[in-house]
Amino acid sequence: MSNGRINTHTLPEGGFTLLELLITLMLVGIIAAWGLPNFQALGERTAQTSEVNRLQSTFSLARNTAISQRRQITLCPADEEHRACASEWSGALMIVKGDQTDNVKADDILRIMPAEQGTQVTYSRGWSRIRYSPLGYRSGYNGSFNVCSGNSRHASQGKKLVLSQLGRLRIDEAPIDC
């Protein structure tokens, strides 16, 4: 090294061999394949939780509006044009003044809550509407909503929401089978 040049024969060569790269790629593939179902299940649980929150806030808003405005309020699944009540609780929900369920005018709609993608909601009573009295009570009997993930291959358990005659929605602690 007296002339300022570095002897390249004494430095180790850098890089990986083809075998090392293949083993690394195989390990990354195995870890990804193992983690993917867990990641999908997390997404489904998040969608269920989001749908439960949407239902709770929609029912609370409808009940509180009935009490504060001292008038009857109807909560129902909306049809595609938002002009009438439908029967699919998984879709958009509509809060309407009074007891209109058909030929709903735009002025009578208080709020439309958009649908949550990837979930399925069923109502045990099969009704297409919930009506709140000016005191916040609902007409009819107790009922329950089942919230399941749309792709229930990985998450076979859903959540059950119980609607009391007082118009309050609570989460049942026991999970349901979807």
N, C-alpha and C. Protein backbone atom coordinates (compact mmCIF):
# COMPACT_ATOMS: atom_id res chain seq x y z
N MET A 1 0.81 -1.17 0.00
CA MET A 1 0.00 0.00 0.00
C MET A 1 0.87 1.25 0.00
N SER A 2 2.03 1.13 -0.48
CA SER A 2 2.91 2.29 -0.48
C SER A 2 2.61 3.25 -1.62
N ASN A 3 2.00 2.78 -2.70
CA ASN A 3 1.73 3.67 -3.82
C ASN A 3 0.30 4.25 -3.76
N GLY A 4 -0.48 4.09 -2.70
CA GLY A 4 -1.80 4.67 -2.53
C GLY A 4 -2.93 3.84 -3.12
N ARG A 5 -2.62 2.70 -3.65
CA ARG A 5 -3.66 1.85 -4.21
C ARG A 5 -4.08 0.81 -3.17
N ILE A 6 -5.35 0.47 -3.23
CA ILE A 6 -5.86 -0.53 -2.30
C ILE A 6 -5.83 -1.89 -2.99
N ASN A 7 -5.37 -2.84 -2.27
CA ASN A 7 -5.31 -4.19 -2.78
C ASN A 7 -6.71 -4.80 -2.68
N THR A 8 -7.37 -5.04 -3.80
CA THR A 8 -8.74 -5.55 -3.79
C THR A 8 -8.81 -7.03 -3.48
N HIS A 9 -7.73 -7.71 -3.51
CA HIS A 9 -7.76 -9.14 -3.23
C HIS A 9 -7.92 -9.44 -1.75
N THR A 10 -7.65 -8.49 -0.89
CA THR A 10 -7.77 -8.75 0.53
C THR A 10 -9.13 -8.34 1.09
N LEU A 11 -9.97 -7.55 0.34
CA LEU A 11 -11.30 -7.15 0.82
C LEU A 11 -12.31 -8.26 0.52
N PRO A 12 -13.24 -8.50 1.44
CA PRO A 12 -14.26 -9.52 1.18
C PRO A 12 -15.24 -9.01 0.12
N GLU A 13 -15.79 -9.91 -0.66
CA GLU A 13 -16.77 -9.54 -1.67
C GLU A 13 -18.13 -9.34 -1.01
N GLY A 14 -18.89 -8.32 -1.44
CA GLY A 14 -20.21 -8.02 -0.86
C GLY A 14 -21.32 -8.68 -1.67
N GLY A 15 -22.55 -8.73 -1.05
CA GLY A 15 -23.71 -9.26 -1.75
C GLY A 15 -24.14 -10.60 -1.18
N PHE A 16 -25.24 -11.09 -1.74
CA PHE A 16 -25.81 -12.35 -1.29
C PHE A 16 -25.72 -13.38 -2.42
N THR A 17 -25.70 -14.60 -2.02
CA THR A 17 -25.72 -15.67 -3.02
C THR A 17 -27.18 -15.91 -3.44
N LEU A 18 -27.35 -16.57 -4.53
CA LEU A 18 -28.69 -16.89 -5.02
C LEU A 18 -29.45 -17.75 -4.02
N LEU A 19 -28.78 -18.66 -3.38
CA LEU A 19 -29.40 -19.53 -2.39
C LEU A 19 -29.91 -18.72 -1.19
N GLU A 20 -29.12 -17.76 -0.72
CA GLU A 20 -29.53 -16.92 0.40
C GLU A 20 -30.76 -16.09 0.02
N LEU A 21 -30.81 -15.54 -1.17
CA LEU A 21 -31.97 -14.76 -1.61
C LEU A 21 -33.22 -15.62 -1.71
N LEU A 22 -33.10 -16.84 -2.24
CA LEU A 22 -34.25 -17.72 -2.36
C LEU A 22 -34.81 -18.12 -1.00
N ILE A 23 -33.94 -18.41 -0.06
CA ILE A 23 -34.38 -18.77 1.29
C ILE A 23 -35.07 -17.58 1.94
N THR A 24 -34.54 -16.38 1.76
CA THR A 24 -35.15 -15.18 2.34
C THR A 24 -36.53 -14.94 1.73
N LEU A 25 -36.66 -15.05 0.43
CA LEU A 25 -37.96 -14.88 -0.23
C LEU A 25 -38.96 -15.94 0.22
N MET A 26 -38.50 -17.17 0.40
CA MET A 26 -39.39 -18.23 0.87
C MET A 26 -39.89 -17.92 2.28
N LEU A 27 -39.02 -17.46 3.17
CA LEU A 27 -39.43 -17.11 4.54
C LEU A 27 -40.42 -15.95 4.55
N VAL A 28 -40.18 -14.94 3.72
CA VAL A 28 -41.10 -13.80 3.64
C VAL A 28 -42.46 -14.28 3.13
N GLY A 29 -42.48 -15.17 2.15
CA GLY A 29 -43.73 -15.72 1.63
C GLY A 29 -44.49 -16.51 2.68
N ILE A 30 -43.79 -17.30 3.46
CA ILE A 30 -44.43 -18.09 4.52
C ILE A 30 -45.03 -17.17 5.58
N ILE A 31 -44.31 -16.16 5.98
CA ILE A 31 -44.80 -15.21 6.99
C ILE A 31 -46.01 -14.45 6.46
N ALA A 32 -45.98 -14.03 5.20
CA ALA A 32 -47.11 -13.31 4.60
C ALA A 32 -48.33 -14.22 4.51
N ALA A 33 -48.15 -15.47 4.11
CA ALA A 33 -49.27 -16.39 4.00
C ALA A 33 -49.87 -16.70 5.37
N TRP A 34 -49.05 -16.72 6.39
CA TRP A 34 -49.53 -16.97 7.74
C TRP A 34 -50.28 -15.76 8.28
N GLY A 35 -49.83 -14.55 7.96
CA GLY A 35 -50.44 -13.33 8.50
C GLY A 35 -51.64 -12.83 7.73
N LEU A 36 -51.82 -13.21 6.47
CA LEU A 36 -52.91 -12.70 5.66
C LEU A 36 -54.29 -13.03 6.22
N PRO A 37 -54.59 -14.26 6.62
CA PRO A 37 -55.91 -14.52 7.21
C PRO A 37 -56.17 -13.70 8.47
N ASN A 38 -55.14 -13.50 9.29
CA ASN A 38 -55.32 -12.68 10.48
C ASN A 38 -55.62 -11.24 10.10
N PHE A 39 -54.98 -10.75 9.06
CA PHE A 39 -55.22 -9.39 8.61
C PHE A 39 -56.63 -9.25 8.04
N GLN A 40 -57.10 -10.26 7.30
CA GLN A 40 -58.47 -10.23 6.77
C GLN A 40 -59.49 -10.28 7.90
N ALA A 41 -59.25 -11.10 8.90
CA ALA A 41 -60.16 -11.17 10.05
C ALA A 41 -60.22 -9.84 10.78
N LEU A 42 -59.09 -9.15 10.88
CA LEU A 42 -59.06 -7.83 11.51
C LEU A 42 -59.93 -6.86 10.73
N GLY A 43 -59.86 -6.90 9.41
CA GLY A 43 -60.69 -6.05 8.58
C GLY A 43 -62.17 -6.33 8.76
N GLU A 44 -62.53 -7.59 8.88
CA GLU A 44 -63.93 -7.96 9.08
C GLU A 44 -64.43 -7.52 10.46
N ARG A 45 -63.61 -7.67 11.48
CA ARG A 45 -64.00 -7.21 12.82
C ARG A 45 -64.15 -5.69 12.83
N THR A 46 -63.28 -5.00 12.12
CA THR A 46 -63.38 -3.54 12.05
C THR A 46 -64.66 -3.12 11.34
N ALA A 47 -65.04 -3.82 10.28
CA ALA A 47 -66.28 -3.52 9.56
C ALA A 47 -67.49 -3.76 10.46
N GLN A 48 -67.47 -4.85 11.24
CA GLN A 48 -68.57 -5.13 12.17
C GLN A 48 -68.69 -4.03 13.21
N THR A 49 -67.57 -3.63 13.78
CA THR A 49 -67.58 -2.58 14.81
C THR A 49 -68.08 -1.27 14.23
N SER A 50 -67.67 -0.96 13.03
CA SER A 50 -68.13 0.26 12.37
C SER A 50 -69.64 0.22 12.13
N GLU A 51 -70.16 -0.92 11.73
CA GLU A 51 -71.60 -1.06 11.51
C GLU A 51 -72.37 -0.95 12.82
N VAL A 52 -71.86 -1.54 13.89
CA VAL A 52 -72.50 -1.42 15.20
C VAL A 52 -72.53 0.05 15.63
N ASN A 53 -71.44 0.76 15.44
CA ASN A 53 -71.39 2.18 15.79
C ASN A 53 -72.38 2.99 14.96
N ARG A 54 -72.49 2.65 13.67
CA ARG A 54 -73.44 3.35 12.79
C ARG A 54 -74.86 3.14 13.27
N LEU A 55 -75.22 1.90 13.60
CA LEU A 55 -76.56 1.62 14.08
C LEU A 55 -76.85 2.32 15.40
N GLN A 56 -75.91 2.26 16.33
CA GLN A 56 -76.12 2.90 17.62
C GLN A 56 -76.29 4.41 17.48
N SER A 57 -75.46 5.04 16.69
CA SER A 57 -75.58 6.50 16.54
C SER A 57 -76.85 6.88 15.79
N THR A 58 -77.27 6.08 14.81
CA THR A 58 -78.50 6.37 14.07
C THR A 58 -79.72 6.23 14.96
N PHE A 59 -79.79 5.18 15.75
CA PHE A 59 -80.93 4.99 16.64
C PHE A 59 -80.95 6.05 17.73
N SER A 60 -79.79 6.42 18.26
CA SER A 60 -79.74 7.48 19.27
C SER A 60 -80.20 8.81 18.69
N LEU A 61 -79.75 9.11 17.49
CA LEU A 61 -80.15 10.36 16.85
C LEU A 61 -81.66 10.39 16.61
N ALA A 62 -82.23 9.30 16.12
CA ALA A 62 -83.67 9.25 15.87
C ALA A 62 -84.45 9.42 17.17
N ARG A 63 -84.04 8.74 18.21
CA ARG A 63 -84.73 8.83 19.50
C ARG A 63 -84.62 10.22 20.10
N ASN A 64 -83.40 10.77 20.10
CA ASN A 64 -83.20 12.11 20.66
C ASN A 64 -83.93 13.18 19.86
N THR A 65 -84.02 13.00 18.55
CA THR A 65 -84.76 13.94 17.72
C THR A 65 -86.25 13.90 18.05
N ALA A 66 -86.79 12.70 18.24
CA ALA A 66 -88.20 12.57 18.60
C ALA A 66 -88.49 13.28 19.92
N ILE A 67 -87.58 13.13 20.88
CA ILE A 67 -87.77 13.75 22.18
C ILE A 67 -87.62 15.27 22.09
N SER A 68 -86.56 15.72 21.45
CA SER A 68 -86.29 17.16 21.42
C SER A 68 -87.29 17.93 20.55
N GLN A 69 -87.77 17.33 19.46
CA GLN A 69 -88.74 18.00 18.60
C GLN A 69 -90.18 17.70 18.99
N ARG A 70 -90.34 16.81 19.97
CA ARG A 70 -91.66 16.41 20.46
C ARG A 70 -92.59 16.02 19.31
N ARG A 71 -92.07 15.10 18.50
CA ARG A 71 -92.84 14.63 17.36
C ARG A 71 -92.47 13.19 17.05
N GLN A 72 -93.31 12.54 16.30
CA GLN A 72 -93.04 11.16 15.89
C GLN A 72 -91.94 11.18 14.82
N ILE A 73 -91.00 10.23 14.96
CA ILE A 73 -89.89 10.08 14.02
C ILE A 73 -89.84 8.63 13.56
N THR A 74 -89.59 8.45 12.28
CA THR A 74 -89.48 7.11 11.71
C THR A 74 -88.05 6.87 11.26
N LEU A 75 -87.54 5.71 11.58
CA LEU A 75 -86.21 5.27 11.15
C LEU A 75 -86.42 4.03 10.30
N CYS A 76 -85.84 4.04 9.09
CA CYS A 76 -86.03 2.88 8.22
C CYS A 76 -84.88 2.79 7.22
N PRO A 77 -84.70 1.61 6.64
CA PRO A 77 -83.74 1.49 5.54
C PRO A 77 -84.29 2.23 4.32
N ALA A 78 -83.45 2.96 3.64
CA ALA A 78 -83.88 3.76 2.49
C ALA A 78 -83.77 2.98 1.20
N ASP A 79 -84.70 3.25 0.28
CA ASP A 79 -84.56 2.68 -1.06
C ASP A 79 -83.46 3.47 -1.79
N GLU A 80 -83.16 3.08 -3.01
CA GLU A 80 -82.03 3.69 -3.72
C GLU A 80 -82.24 5.17 -4.01
N GLU A 81 -83.49 5.59 -4.21
CA GLU A 81 -83.77 7.00 -4.50
C GLU A 81 -84.02 7.83 -3.24
N HIS A 82 -84.03 7.20 -2.08
CA HIS A 82 -84.31 7.85 -0.80
C HIS A 82 -85.69 8.49 -0.81
N ARG A 83 -86.67 7.77 -1.36
CA ARG A 83 -88.04 8.27 -1.41
C ARG A 83 -89.02 7.38 -0.65
N ALA A 84 -88.55 6.23 -0.20
CA ALA A 84 -89.43 5.29 0.51
C ALA A 84 -88.58 4.38 1.38
N CYS A 85 -89.25 3.72 2.31
CA CYS A 85 -88.57 2.75 3.17
C CYS A 85 -88.43 1.43 2.42
N ALA A 86 -87.32 0.79 2.60
CA ALA A 86 -87.05 -0.53 2.01
C ALA A 86 -87.02 -1.56 3.12
N SER A 87 -86.57 -2.75 2.82
CA SER A 87 -86.53 -3.79 3.85
C SER A 87 -85.11 -4.25 4.18
N GLU A 88 -84.10 -3.72 3.51
CA GLU A 88 -82.71 -4.15 3.68
C GLU A 88 -81.98 -3.26 4.69
N TRP A 89 -81.81 -3.74 5.92
CA TRP A 89 -81.18 -2.95 6.98
C TRP A 89 -79.68 -2.77 6.77
N SER A 90 -79.08 -3.49 5.85
CA SER A 90 -77.65 -3.33 5.58
C SER A 90 -77.36 -2.10 4.75
N GLY A 91 -78.37 -1.54 4.12
CA GLY A 91 -78.19 -0.38 3.25
C GLY A 91 -78.22 0.92 4.03
N ALA A 92 -78.39 2.01 3.29
CA ALA A 92 -78.49 3.34 3.90
C ALA A 92 -79.73 3.41 4.79
N LEU A 93 -79.60 4.13 5.89
CA LEU A 93 -80.72 4.30 6.82
C LEU A 93 -81.20 5.75 6.73
N MET A 94 -82.51 5.92 6.90
CA MET A 94 -83.12 7.22 6.73
C MET A 94 -83.93 7.57 7.98
N ILE A 95 -83.74 8.78 8.48
CA ILE A 95 -84.53 9.29 9.60
C ILE A 95 -85.50 10.31 9.02
N VAL A 96 -86.81 10.07 9.24
CA VAL A 96 -87.87 10.84 8.59
C VAL A 96 -88.80 11.44 9.64
N LYS A 97 -89.25 12.67 9.39
CA LYS A 97 -90.26 13.30 10.24
C LYS A 97 -91.58 12.56 10.08
N GLY A 98 -92.29 12.36 11.18
CA GLY A 98 -93.61 11.75 11.12
C GLY A 98 -93.55 10.26 10.87
N ASP A 99 -94.61 9.75 10.21
CA ASP A 99 -94.71 8.31 10.00
C ASP A 99 -94.71 7.93 8.52
N GLN A 100 -94.17 8.78 7.68
CA GLN A 100 -94.09 8.49 6.26
C GLN A 100 -93.15 7.33 5.99
N THR A 101 -93.60 6.39 5.17
CA THR A 101 -92.73 5.30 4.72
C THR A 101 -92.72 5.18 3.21
N ASP A 102 -93.71 5.76 2.54
CA ASP A 102 -93.79 5.78 1.07
C ASP A 102 -93.91 7.23 0.62
N ASN A 103 -93.42 7.52 -0.56
CA ASN A 103 -93.48 8.87 -1.12
C ASN A 103 -92.92 9.91 -0.14
N VAL A 104 -91.76 9.62 0.41
CA VAL A 104 -91.12 10.53 1.37
C VAL A 104 -90.57 11.73 0.61
N LYS A 105 -90.91 12.91 1.07
CA LYS A 105 -90.42 14.14 0.45
C LYS A 105 -89.05 14.48 1.02
N ALA A 106 -88.26 15.17 0.23
CA ALA A 106 -86.91 15.55 0.66
C ALA A 106 -86.95 16.40 1.92
N ASP A 107 -87.98 17.24 2.09
CA ASP A 107 -88.09 18.10 3.27
C ASP A 107 -88.35 17.30 4.55
N ASP A 108 -88.92 16.10 4.40
CA ASP A 108 -89.22 15.28 5.57
C ASP A 108 -88.05 14.43 6.03
N ILE A 109 -87.00 14.35 5.22
CA ILE A 109 -85.83 13.54 5.59
C ILE A 109 -84.91 14.38 6.48
N LEU A 110 -84.67 13.89 7.68
CA LEU A 110 -83.77 14.60 8.60
C LEU A 110 -82.32 14.21 8.39
N ARG A 111 -82.07 12.94 8.13
CA ARG A 111 -80.70 12.47 7.96
C ARG A 111 -80.71 11.15 7.22
N ILE A 112 -79.70 10.96 6.38
CA ILE A 112 -79.46 9.67 5.72
C ILE A 112 -78.08 9.20 6.15
N MET A 113 -78.04 8.03 6.73
CA MET A 113 -76.78 7.44 7.17
C MET A 113 -76.34 6.44 6.10
N PRO A 114 -75.20 6.67 5.46
CA PRO A 114 -74.77 5.77 4.38
C PRO A 114 -74.46 4.36 4.89
N ALA A 115 -74.54 3.43 3.97
CA ALA A 115 -74.30 2.02 4.30
C ALA A 115 -72.83 1.76 4.58
N GLU A 116 -72.59 0.77 5.39
CA GLU A 116 -71.23 0.30 5.68
C GLU A 116 -70.98 -0.91 4.78
N GLN A 117 -69.95 -0.84 3.98
CA GLN A 117 -69.65 -1.93 3.05
C GLN A 117 -69.09 -3.14 3.80
N GLY A 118 -69.43 -4.31 3.32
CA GLY A 118 -68.86 -5.54 3.85
C GLY A 118 -69.56 -6.11 5.07
N THR A 119 -70.77 -5.63 5.38
CA THR A 119 -71.51 -6.18 6.52
C THR A 119 -72.92 -6.54 6.10
N GLN A 120 -73.53 -7.41 6.88
CA GLN A 120 -74.91 -7.85 6.65
C GLN A 120 -75.67 -7.63 7.95
N VAL A 121 -76.80 -6.91 7.87
CA VAL A 121 -77.62 -6.62 9.05
C VAL A 121 -79.01 -7.20 8.82
N THR A 122 -79.48 -7.98 9.79
CA THR A 122 -80.84 -8.50 9.73
C THR A 122 -81.58 -8.12 11.00
N TYR A 123 -82.88 -7.86 10.87
CA TYR A 123 -83.73 -7.49 12.00
C TYR A 123 -84.64 -8.66 12.32
N SER A 124 -84.68 -9.05 13.59
CA SER A 124 -85.41 -10.26 13.99
C SER A 124 -86.91 -10.15 13.74
N ARG A 125 -87.45 -8.96 13.78
CA ARG A 125 -88.89 -8.79 13.59
C ARG A 125 -89.26 -8.73 12.10
N GLY A 126 -88.29 -8.46 11.25
CA GLY A 126 -88.56 -8.38 9.83
C GLY A 126 -89.27 -7.11 9.40
N TRP A 127 -89.41 -6.16 10.30
CA TRP A 127 -90.09 -4.91 9.96
C TRP A 127 -89.19 -4.01 9.14
N SER A 128 -89.83 -3.13 8.37
CA SER A 128 -89.06 -2.22 7.53
C SER A 128 -88.98 -0.81 8.11
N ARG A 129 -89.37 -0.65 9.36
CA ARG A 129 -89.28 0.67 9.97
C ARG A 129 -89.35 0.57 11.50
N ILE A 130 -88.82 1.59 12.16
CA ILE A 130 -88.92 1.75 13.61
C ILE A 130 -89.49 3.14 13.83
N ARG A 131 -90.55 3.24 14.62
CA ARG A 131 -91.14 4.56 14.89
C ARG A 131 -90.94 4.92 16.34
N TYR A 132 -90.54 6.18 16.54
CA TYR A 132 -90.35 6.72 17.88
C TYR A 132 -91.46 7.71 18.19
N SER A 133 -92.00 7.62 19.40
CA SER A 133 -93.03 8.56 19.85
C SER A 133 -92.33 9.84 20.34
N PRO A 134 -93.09 10.91 20.58
CA PRO A 134 -92.48 12.14 21.10
C PRO A 134 -91.80 11.96 22.46
N LEU A 135 -92.10 10.87 23.17
CA LEU A 135 -91.45 10.60 24.44
C LEU A 135 -90.20 9.72 24.27
N GLY A 136 -89.89 9.33 23.05
CA GLY A 136 -88.71 8.51 22.79
C GLY A 136 -88.95 7.02 22.85
N TYR A 137 -90.20 6.61 23.09
CA TYR A 137 -90.53 5.19 23.07
C TYR A 137 -90.75 4.77 21.63
N ARG A 138 -90.55 3.49 21.39
CA ARG A 138 -90.80 3.01 20.04
C ARG A 138 -92.04 2.15 20.05
N SER A 139 -92.71 2.11 18.93
CA SER A 139 -93.90 1.27 18.83
C SER A 139 -93.47 -0.16 18.52
N GLY A 140 -94.21 -1.10 19.04
CA GLY A 140 -93.88 -2.50 18.76
C GLY A 140 -93.21 -3.18 19.93
N TYR A 141 -92.63 -4.33 19.63
CA TYR A 141 -92.03 -5.18 20.65
C TYR A 141 -90.51 -5.09 20.58
N ASN A 142 -89.87 -5.67 21.60
CA ASN A 142 -88.41 -5.75 21.57
C ASN A 142 -87.98 -6.53 20.33
N GLY A 143 -86.85 -6.16 19.80
CA GLY A 143 -86.31 -6.86 18.64
C GLY A 143 -84.80 -6.86 18.73
N SER A 144 -84.17 -7.52 17.79
CA SER A 144 -82.71 -7.55 17.78
C SER A 144 -82.20 -7.48 16.35
N PHE A 145 -81.02 -6.91 16.22
CA PHE A 145 -80.32 -6.81 14.95
C PHE A 145 -79.09 -7.69 15.02
N ASN A 146 -78.88 -8.50 14.00
CA ASN A 146 -77.66 -9.30 13.89
C ASN A 146 -76.75 -8.64 12.88
N VAL A 147 -75.51 -8.40 13.28
CA VAL A 147 -74.52 -7.78 12.41
C VAL A 147 -73.44 -8.82 12.13
N CYS A 148 -73.31 -9.17 10.86
CA CYS A 148 -72.31 -10.16 10.44
C CYS A 148 -71.43 -9.55 9.36
N SER A 149 -70.24 -10.08 9.27
CA SER A 149 -69.33 -9.65 8.22
C SER A 149 -69.81 -10.23 6.91
N GLY A 150 -69.66 -9.47 5.84
CA GLY A 150 -70.11 -9.92 4.52
C GLY A 150 -69.36 -11.14 4.04
N ASN A 151 -68.08 -11.25 4.35
CA ASN A 151 -67.25 -12.39 3.96
C ASN A 151 -66.95 -13.19 5.22
N SER A 152 -67.91 -13.91 5.72
CA SER A 152 -67.75 -14.56 7.02
C SER A 152 -66.97 -15.88 6.95
N ARG A 153 -66.08 -16.03 5.96
CA ARG A 153 -65.25 -17.23 5.91
C ARG A 153 -64.29 -17.28 7.10
N HIS A 154 -63.73 -16.13 7.47
CA HIS A 154 -62.72 -16.11 8.52
C HIS A 154 -63.30 -15.72 9.88
N ALA A 155 -64.29 -14.85 9.89
CA ALA A 155 -64.89 -14.41 11.15
C ALA A 155 -66.31 -14.96 11.20
N SER A 156 -66.49 -16.07 11.86
CA SER A 156 -67.79 -16.72 11.88
C SER A 156 -68.67 -16.20 13.01
N GLN A 157 -68.20 -15.22 13.76
CA GLN A 157 -68.99 -14.68 14.85
C GLN A 157 -69.34 -13.23 14.56
N GLY A 158 -70.59 -12.89 14.85
CA GLY A 158 -71.07 -11.55 14.66
C GLY A 158 -71.51 -10.94 15.98
N LYS A 159 -72.18 -9.81 15.88
CA LYS A 159 -72.66 -9.11 17.08
C LYS A 159 -74.16 -8.97 17.01
N LYS A 160 -74.77 -9.00 18.18
CA LYS A 160 -76.22 -8.86 18.29
C LYS A 160 -76.52 -7.58 19.05
N LEU A 161 -77.41 -6.77 18.49
CA LEU A 161 -77.86 -5.53 19.13
C LEU A 161 -79.33 -5.71 19.51
N VAL A 162 -79.67 -5.40 20.74
CA VAL A 162 -81.04 -5.57 21.23
C VAL A 162 -81.68 -4.20 21.34
N LEU A 163 -82.86 -4.05 20.72
CA LEU A 163 -83.61 -2.81 20.74
C LEU A 163 -84.76 -2.96 21.73
N SER A 164 -84.74 -2.14 22.79
CA SER A 164 -85.78 -2.23 23.82
C SER A 164 -87.00 -1.41 23.41
N GLN A 165 -88.09 -1.58 24.13
CA GLN A 165 -89.29 -0.79 23.87
C GLN A 165 -89.07 0.67 24.22
N LEU A 166 -88.10 0.95 25.05
CA LEU A 166 -87.77 2.34 25.37
C LEU A 166 -86.99 3.00 24.23
N GLY A 167 -86.66 2.22 23.21
CA GLY A 167 -86.00 2.78 22.04
C GLY A 167 -84.49 2.79 22.10
N ARG A 168 -83.93 2.14 23.10
CA ARG A 168 -82.47 2.12 23.24
C ARG A 168 -81.90 0.84 22.66
N LEU A 169 -80.73 1.00 22.05
CA LEU A 169 -80.05 -0.12 21.41
C LEU A 169 -78.83 -0.48 22.24
N ARG A 170 -78.71 -1.74 22.63
CA ARG A 170 -77.55 -2.18 23.41
C ARG A 170 -76.92 -3.38 22.74
N ILE A 171 -75.63 -3.56 22.99
CA ILE A 171 -74.89 -4.69 22.43
C ILE A 171 -75.02 -5.87 23.37
N ASP A 172 -75.47 -7.00 22.85
CA ASP A 172 -75.51 -8.23 23.63
C ASP A 172 -74.08 -8.76 23.73
N GLU A 173 -73.67 -9.15 24.91
CA GLU A 173 -72.28 -9.59 25.12
C GLU A 173 -71.95 -10.90 24.43
N ALA A 174 -72.94 -11.78 24.29
CA ALA A 174 -72.68 -13.09 23.67
C ALA A 174 -72.57 -12.94 22.15
N PRO A 175 -71.49 -13.43 21.55
CA PRO A 175 -71.39 -13.35 20.09
C PRO A 175 -72.40 -14.30 19.44
N ILE A 176 -72.73 -14.02 18.20
CA ILE A 176 -73.67 -14.86 17.46
C ILE A 176 -72.93 -15.57 16.33
N ASP A 177 -73.47 -16.67 15.88
CA ASP A 177 -72.91 -17.38 14.73
C ASP A 177 -73.50 -16.79 13.46
N CYS A 178 -72.65 -16.54 12.50
CA CYS A 178 -73.11 -15.96 11.24
C CYS A 178 -73.24 -17.03 10.18
